[in-house]
Each structure stands twice: as structure tokens, then as C-alpha cells.
Protein backbone atom coordinates (compact mmCIF):
# COMPACT_ATOMS: atom_id res chain seq x y z
CA MET A 1 -3.38 -16.27 2.46
CA ASN A 2 -3.10 -15.48 6.12
CA ARG A 3 -0.08 -15.55 8.46
CA SER A 4 -0.30 -19.24 9.30
CA ASP A 5 -0.65 -20.16 5.61
CA LEU A 6 2.45 -18.09 4.85
CA ILE A 7 4.41 -19.81 7.61
CA ASP A 8 3.32 -23.25 6.37
CA ASP A 9 4.23 -22.41 2.77
CA LEU A 10 7.68 -21.07 3.69
CA ALA A 11 8.37 -24.02 5.96
CA ALA A 12 7.52 -26.39 3.07
CA ARG A 13 9.82 -24.48 0.66
CA PHE A 14 12.75 -24.28 3.02
CA VAL A 15 13.06 -27.81 4.47
CA ASN A 16 16.25 -26.91 6.35
CA LEU A 17 14.22 -24.57 8.63
CA THR A 18 11.84 -25.85 11.26
CA LYS A 19 8.31 -24.50 11.42
CA ASN A 20 9.21 -22.65 14.63
CA ASP A 21 12.20 -20.99 12.91
CA THR A 22 9.97 -19.98 10.00
CA GLU A 23 7.30 -18.62 12.33
CA PHE A 24 9.93 -16.62 14.23
CA ALA A 25 11.28 -15.18 10.97
CA VAL A 26 7.84 -14.17 9.68
CA ASN A 27 6.81 -12.62 12.98
CA THR A 28 10.12 -10.73 13.23
CA LEU A 29 9.67 -9.34 9.73
CA ILE A 30 6.09 -8.27 10.32
CA ASP A 31 6.98 -6.71 13.72
CA ALA A 32 9.85 -4.76 12.10
CA MET A 33 7.53 -3.48 9.36
CA GLN A 34 4.91 -2.51 11.94
CA ASP A 35 7.49 -0.65 14.08
CA ALA A 36 8.76 1.23 11.03
CA LEU A 37 5.27 2.32 9.98
CA VAL A 38 4.38 3.37 13.56
CA ALA A 39 7.51 5.52 13.56
CA GLY A 40 6.30 7.16 10.30
CA HIS A 41 8.92 5.56 8.01
CA HIS A 42 8.41 4.46 4.41
CA ILE A 43 8.96 0.78 3.48
CA GLU A 44 9.89 -0.20 -0.05
CA ILE A 45 10.28 -3.80 -1.18
CA ARG A 46 11.55 -3.83 -4.77
CA GLY A 47 9.30 -5.79 -7.12
CA PHE A 48 6.54 -6.07 -4.52
CA GLY A 49 5.49 -2.56 -3.50
CA SER A 50 5.76 0.16 -0.91
CA PHE A 51 4.02 1.00 2.33
CA SER A 52 3.71 4.53 3.63
CA VAL A 53 1.82 6.42 6.33
CA THR A 54 -0.47 9.23 5.20
CA HIS A 55 -2.02 11.90 7.40
CA ARG A 56 -5.75 12.61 7.22
CA ALA A 57 -6.70 15.99 8.61
CA ALA A 58 -9.61 16.51 10.98
CA ARG A 59 -12.84 17.35 9.17
CA VAL A 60 -16.56 17.78 9.72
CA GLY A 61 -18.59 14.86 8.43
CA ARG A 62 -22.32 14.37 8.24
CA ASN A 63 -24.43 11.63 9.79
CA PRO A 64 -26.39 10.30 6.76
CA ARG A 65 -29.34 9.18 8.86
CA THR A 66 -29.94 12.44 10.79
CA GLY A 67 -28.04 15.00 8.69
CA GLU A 68 -26.26 16.13 11.88
CA ASP A 69 -22.67 17.39 11.67
CA VAL A 70 -20.10 15.02 13.18
CA ALA A 71 -16.51 15.89 14.04
CA VAL A 72 -14.11 13.37 12.50
CA PRO A 73 -10.72 13.51 14.21
CA GLU A 74 -7.38 13.49 12.40
CA LYS A 75 -5.73 10.16 11.91
CA ARG A 76 -2.89 8.39 10.18
CA SER A 77 -3.58 5.73 7.60
CA ILE A 78 -1.46 3.10 5.86
CA ARG A 79 -1.12 3.21 2.11
CA PHE A 80 0.15 0.34 -0.06
CA LYS A 81 1.28 0.96 -3.61
CA PRO A 82 2.05 -2.20 -5.58
CA GLY A 83 5.28 -2.38 -7.54
CA LYS A 84 5.47 -2.80 -11.30
CA ALA A 85 6.42 -6.48 -11.15
CA LEU A 86 3.49 -7.29 -8.83
CA ARG A 87 1.03 -5.34 -10.98
CA GLU A 88 2.21 -7.12 -14.12
CA ALA A 89 2.08 -10.55 -12.44
CA VAL A 90 -1.50 -9.94 -11.24
CA ASP A 91 -2.58 -8.59 -14.66
CA LYS A 92 -1.11 -11.56 -16.53
CA PRO A 93 -3.91 -13.80 -17.80
CA SER A 94 -3.98 -17.16 -16.09
CA ALA A 95 -3.52 -20.21 -18.31
């Protein structure tokens, strides 16, 4: 499911909202989550999961083709940990 599929699905579920209203709500939510992660905050959505930013230190890697050392700079990465309810729903056998 991509962003436009999500917007279409929500617009179909909530008939009192227009597609433009639904698109605005989804975009606002995603922008708020992005801003929080950029600021280094932790996001937790009960029953779904949590998003956090992890720090990866600079290191020396190796080019597999030439064997030459390559400097890999430090960076921040996003981590998603699914919640218990989501894990159980995904693990449930489909009928």
C-alpha cells in the first residue's frame, strides 16, 4: 500500500470526509512524524509500533572488488519496531 492507496482507502471508509480532506490529514500526519524523527524524537503508536532514530558511528569499510579501505561516514538511521498487536496480526494464519 502506498500513500495514494491509503488516502483512497480512508476516503472510502469515512464518507463524511472529502478526498482532499483525507489527503490533507494523511500528509499532515506523515509530515509531523517526519519532523519529529528529524528532531531526534521517538514516536510510539500503541498497537502498531514505534519509530526511533539510531546513530551509526563512522567506520572503515572495505571495497569488496578491490580490497581497498573506504571511509564510511557517521549517519543516523530510522528503526521501526512493530508492536505486539501488529506482530500477532501478521503471524495469524490467514483463513
